[in-house]
């Protein structure tokens, strides 16, 4: 195998993990910004940063009511730690494309350990949140 071909293959193999990592970082940054808006009670801002998959069925007011019902009695968020990220290309109800599923262990004032799952997907060139679940 010619040395040039080996060098090209090695370069591609080196770049793929770096590109995948930067996609995860960008998706996580969008997810965390969305969560921080929710934590501050800025539901309109969170709604505006959401995917149309979330915006179409929920108005900003409905998003606020849904989040408040899901987080009832949790109190203030104290800490959040990512425990897992899964990359997907399809999920039920979502368009085919680049999706990430982040799982966070979150400590709230009145609940020491809550699992939050948030799903951003690549919408054009921006990551947008399309799903949020607490357990």
C-alpha atoms as a PDB file:
ATOM      1  CA  UNK A   1       0.000   0.000   0.000  1.00  0.00           C
ATOM      2  CA  UNK A   2       1.533   3.348  -0.948  1.00  0.00           C
ATOM      3  CA  UNK A   3       2.643   5.574   1.913  1.00  0.00           C
ATOM      4  CA  UNK A   4       0.395   8.416   0.689  1.00  0.00           C
ATOM      5  CA  UNK A   5      -2.714   6.220   0.891  1.00  0.00           C
ATOM      6  CA  UNK A   6      -1.754   5.040   4.378  1.00  0.00           C
ATOM      7  CA  UNK A   7      -1.286   8.659   5.476  1.00  0.00           C
ATOM      8  CA  UNK A   8      -4.712   9.646   4.092  1.00  0.00           C
ATOM      9  CA  UNK A   9      -6.438   6.722   5.808  1.00  0.00           C
ATOM     10  CA  UNK A  10      -4.667   7.481   9.098  1.00  0.00           C
ATOM     11  CA  UNK A  11      -5.683  11.143   8.871  1.00  0.00           C
ATOM     12  CA  UNK A  12      -9.328  10.237   8.219  1.00  0.00           C
ATOM     13  CA  UNK A  13      -9.380   7.799  11.107  1.00  0.00           C
ATOM     14  CA  UNK A  14      -7.885  10.445  13.389  1.00  0.00           C
ATOM     15  CA  UNK A  15     -10.373  13.137  12.310  1.00  0.00           C
ATOM     16  CA  UNK A  16     -13.544  11.068  12.673  1.00  0.00           C
ATOM     17  CA  UNK A  17     -13.440  10.763  16.482  1.00  0.00           C
ATOM     18  CA  UNK A  18     -12.544  14.454  16.783  1.00  0.00           C
ATOM     19  CA  UNK A  19     -15.485  15.476  14.597  1.00  0.00           C
ATOM     20  CA  UNK A  20     -17.853  13.182  16.502  1.00  0.00           C
ATOM     21  CA  UNK A  21     -16.604  14.611  19.798  1.00  0.00           C
ATOM     22  CA  UNK A  22     -17.166  18.193  18.638  1.00  0.00           C
ATOM     23  CA  UNK A  23     -20.737  17.263  17.610  1.00  0.00           C
ATOM     24  CA  UNK A  24     -21.359  15.848  21.078  1.00  0.00           C
ATOM     25  CA  UNK A  25     -19.918  19.006  22.664  1.00  0.00           C
ATOM     26  CA  UNK A  26     -22.140  21.247  20.526  1.00  0.00           C
ATOM     27  CA  UNK A  27     -25.245  19.158  21.238  1.00  0.00           C
ATOM     28  CA  UNK A  28     -24.479  19.127  24.962  1.00  0.00           C
ATOM     29  CA  UNK A  29     -23.952  22.900  25.001  1.00  0.00           C
ATOM     30  CA  UNK A  30     -27.402  23.380  23.425  1.00  0.00           C
ATOM     31  CA  UNK A  31     -28.985  20.927  25.867  1.00  0.00           C
ATOM     32  CA  UNK A  32     -27.367  22.594  28.877  1.00  0.00           C
ATOM     33  CA  UNK A  33     -28.348  26.089  27.709  1.00  0.00           C
ATOM     34  CA  UNK A  34     -31.939  24.868  27.354  1.00  0.00           C
ATOM     35  CA  UNK A  35     -31.864  23.265  30.811  1.00  0.00           C
ATOM     36  CA  UNK A  36     -30.381  26.414  32.358  1.00  0.00           C
ATOM     37  CA  UNK A  37     -33.212  28.487  30.873  1.00  0.00           C
ATOM     38  CA  UNK A  38     -35.708  26.022  32.371  1.00  0.00           C
ATOM     39  CA  UNK A  39     -33.870  26.128  35.731  1.00  0.00           C
ATOM     40  CA  UNK A  40     -34.214  29.944  35.746  1.00  0.00           C
ATOM     41  CA  UNK A  41     -37.900  29.745  34.818  1.00  0.00           C
ATOM     42  CA  UNK A  42     -37.257  31.334  31.415  1.00  0.00           C
ATOM     43  CA  UNK A  43     -39.691  29.113  29.547  1.00  0.00           C
ATOM     44  CA  UNK A  44     -40.166  31.476  26.606  1.00  0.00           C
ATOM     45  CA  UNK A  45     -36.404  31.449  25.979  1.00  0.00           C
ATOM     46  CA  UNK A  46     -36.323  27.641  26.257  1.00  0.00           C
ATOM     47  CA  UNK A  47     -39.282  27.343  23.891  1.00  0.00           C
ATOM     48  CA  UNK A  48     -37.577  29.589  21.330  1.00  0.00           C
ATOM     49  CA  UNK A  49     -34.454  27.397  21.491  1.00  0.00           C
ATOM     50  CA  UNK A  50     -36.547  24.247  21.025  1.00  0.00           C
ATOM     51  CA  UNK A  51     -37.062  22.196  17.908  1.00  0.00           C
ATOM     52  CA  UNK A  52     -40.322  22.540  16.022  1.00  0.00           C
ATOM     53  CA  UNK A  53     -40.970  18.979  17.228  1.00  0.00           C
ATOM     54  CA  UNK A  54     -41.418  20.489  20.692  1.00  0.00           C
ATOM     55  CA  UNK A  55     -42.797  23.879  19.629  1.00  0.00           C
ATOM     56  CA  UNK A  56     -45.683  22.614  17.490  1.00  0.00           C
ATOM     57  CA  UNK A  57     -47.519  20.680  20.211  1.00  0.00           C
ATOM     58  CA  UNK A  58     -46.554  23.060  23.068  1.00  0.00           C
ATOM     59  CA  UNK A  59     -46.920  26.812  23.396  1.00  0.00           C
ATOM     60  CA  UNK A  60     -44.455  28.544  25.734  1.00  0.00           C
ATOM     61  CA  UNK A  61     -47.170  28.582  28.409  1.00  0.00           C
ATOM     62  CA  UNK A  62     -47.879  24.870  27.941  1.00  0.00           C
ATOM     63  CA  UNK A  63     -44.149  24.146  28.146  1.00  0.00           C
ATOM     64  CA  UNK A  64     -44.010  26.024  31.473  1.00  0.00           C
ATOM     65  CA  UNK A  65     -46.997  24.086  32.840  1.00  0.00           C
ATOM     66  CA  UNK A  66     -45.557  20.762  31.669  1.00  0.00           C
ATOM     67  CA  UNK A  67     -42.122  21.412  33.178  1.00  0.00           C
ATOM     68  CA  UNK A  68     -43.623  22.691  36.426  1.00  0.00           C
ATOM     69  CA  UNK A  69     -45.783  19.573  36.703  1.00  0.00           C
ATOM     70  CA  UNK A  70     -42.806  17.284  36.004  1.00  0.00           C
ATOM     71  CA  UNK A  71     -40.555  19.113  38.487  1.00  0.00           C
ATOM     72  CA  UNK A  72     -43.166  19.763  41.149  1.00  0.00           C
ATOM     73  CA  UNK A  73     -41.596  20.116  44.582  1.00  0.00           C
ATOM     74  CA  UNK A  74     -38.039  19.540  43.301  1.00  0.00           C
ATOM     75  CA  UNK A  75     -36.819  22.938  44.477  1.00  0.00           C
ATOM     76  CA  UNK A  76     -33.819  24.714  43.003  1.00  0.00           C
ATOM     77  CA  UNK A  77     -31.318  22.826  40.858  1.00  0.00           C
ATOM     78  CA  UNK A  78     -28.044  22.363  42.742  1.00  0.00           C
ATOM     79  CA  UNK A  79     -25.858  20.270  40.445  1.00  0.00           C
ATOM     80  CA  UNK A  80     -26.024  18.387  37.175  1.00  0.00           C
ATOM     81  CA  UNK A  81     -23.626  15.728  35.887  1.00  0.00           C
ATOM     82  CA  UNK A  82     -23.725  13.991  32.526  1.00  0.00           C
ATOM     83  CA  UNK A  83     -23.666  10.238  32.938  1.00  0.00           C
ATOM     84  CA  UNK A  84     -24.325   9.098  29.379  1.00  0.00           C
ATOM     85  CA  UNK A  85     -24.703  10.224  25.807  1.00  0.00           C
ATOM     86  CA  UNK A  86     -26.030   8.071  22.992  1.00  0.00           C
ATOM     87  CA  UNK A  87     -25.896   9.017  19.321  1.00  0.00           C
ATOM     88  CA  UNK A  88     -28.861   8.004  17.189  1.00  0.00           C
ATOM     89  CA  UNK A  89     -29.945   8.566  13.612  1.00  0.00           C
ATOM     90  CA  UNK A  90     -33.647   7.879  14.163  1.00  0.00           C
ATOM     91  CA  UNK A  91     -36.172   7.925  16.973  1.00  0.00           C
ATOM     92  CA  UNK A  92     -39.966   7.568  16.987  1.00  0.00           C
ATOM     93  CA  UNK A  93     -41.623  10.826  15.968  1.00  0.00           C
ATOM     94  CA  UNK A  94     -38.356  12.502  14.982  1.00  0.00           C
ATOM     95  CA  UNK A  95     -36.955  13.091  11.510  1.00  0.00           C
ATOM     96  CA  UNK A  96     -34.015  11.016  10.368  1.00  0.00           C
ATOM     97  CA  UNK A  97     -30.771  12.744  11.191  1.00  0.00           C
ATOM     98  CA  UNK A  98     -28.245  13.331  13.915  1.00  0.00           C
ATOM     99  CA  UNK A  99     -29.781  12.955  17.372  1.00  0.00           C
ATOM    100  CA  UNK A 100     -28.160  12.781  20.793  1.00  0.00           C
ATOM    101  CA  UNK A 101     -29.712  11.425  23.963  1.00  0.00           C
ATOM    102  CA  UNK A 102     -28.106  12.879  27.087  1.00  0.00           C
ATOM    103  CA  UNK A 103     -28.708  11.490  30.545  1.00  0.00           C
ATOM    104  CA  UNK A 104     -27.854  13.662  33.539  1.00  0.00           C
ATOM    105  CA  UNK A 105     -27.905  12.911  37.255  1.00  0.00           C
ATOM    106  CA  UNK A 106     -29.261  16.085  38.779  1.00  0.00           C
ATOM    107  CA  UNK A 107     -29.447  17.153  42.389  1.00  0.00           C
ATOM    108  CA  UNK A 108     -32.320  19.442  43.315  1.00  0.00           C
ATOM    109  CA  UNK A 109     -32.916  21.142  46.619  1.00  0.00           C
ATOM    110  CA  UNK A 110     -35.651  18.686  47.659  1.00  0.00           C
ATOM    111  CA  UNK A 111     -34.555  15.633  45.644  1.00  0.00           C
ATOM    112  CA  UNK A 112     -30.949  14.457  45.859  1.00  0.00           C
ATOM    113  CA  UNK A 113     -30.968  12.342  42.703  1.00  0.00           C
ATOM    114  CA  UNK A 114     -33.153  12.877  39.657  1.00  0.00           C
ATOM    115  CA  UNK A 115     -32.429  11.461  36.215  1.00  0.00           C
ATOM    116  CA  UNK A 116     -32.984  13.945  33.413  1.00  0.00           C
ATOM    117  CA  UNK A 117     -32.984  12.827  29.790  1.00  0.00           C
ATOM    118  CA  UNK A 118     -32.803  15.471  27.106  1.00  0.00           C
ATOM    119  CA  UNK A 119     -32.754  14.917  23.370  1.00  0.00           C
ATOM    120  CA  UNK A 120     -31.353  17.533  21.011  1.00  0.00           C
ATOM    121  CA  UNK A 121     -31.186  16.949  17.282  1.00  0.00           C
ATOM    122  CA  UNK A 122     -29.321  18.711  14.528  1.00  0.00           C
ATOM    123  CA  UNK A 123     -31.779  21.059  12.835  1.00  0.00           C
ATOM    124  CA  UNK A 124     -29.955  22.596   9.884  1.00  0.00           C
ATOM    125  CA  UNK A 125     -26.709  23.747  11.468  1.00  0.00           C
ATOM    126  CA  UNK A 126     -28.034  24.219  15.036  1.00  0.00           C
ATOM    127  CA  UNK A 127     -28.774  21.757  17.816  1.00  0.00           C
ATOM    128  CA  UNK A 128     -32.355  22.089  19.087  1.00  0.00           C
ATOM    129  CA  UNK A 129     -34.013  20.313  21.996  1.00  0.00           C
ATOM    130  CA  UNK A 130     -36.879  18.075  20.970  1.00  0.00           C
ATOM    131  CA  UNK A 131     -37.488  16.067  24.149  1.00  0.00           C
ATOM    132  CA  UNK A 132     -37.101  16.280  27.927  1.00  0.00           C
ATOM    133  CA  UNK A 133     -37.969  13.674  30.560  1.00  0.00           C
ATOM    134  CA  UNK A 134     -37.419  13.458  34.301  1.00  0.00           C
ATOM    135  CA  UNK A 135     -37.437  10.335  36.415  1.00  0.00           C
END
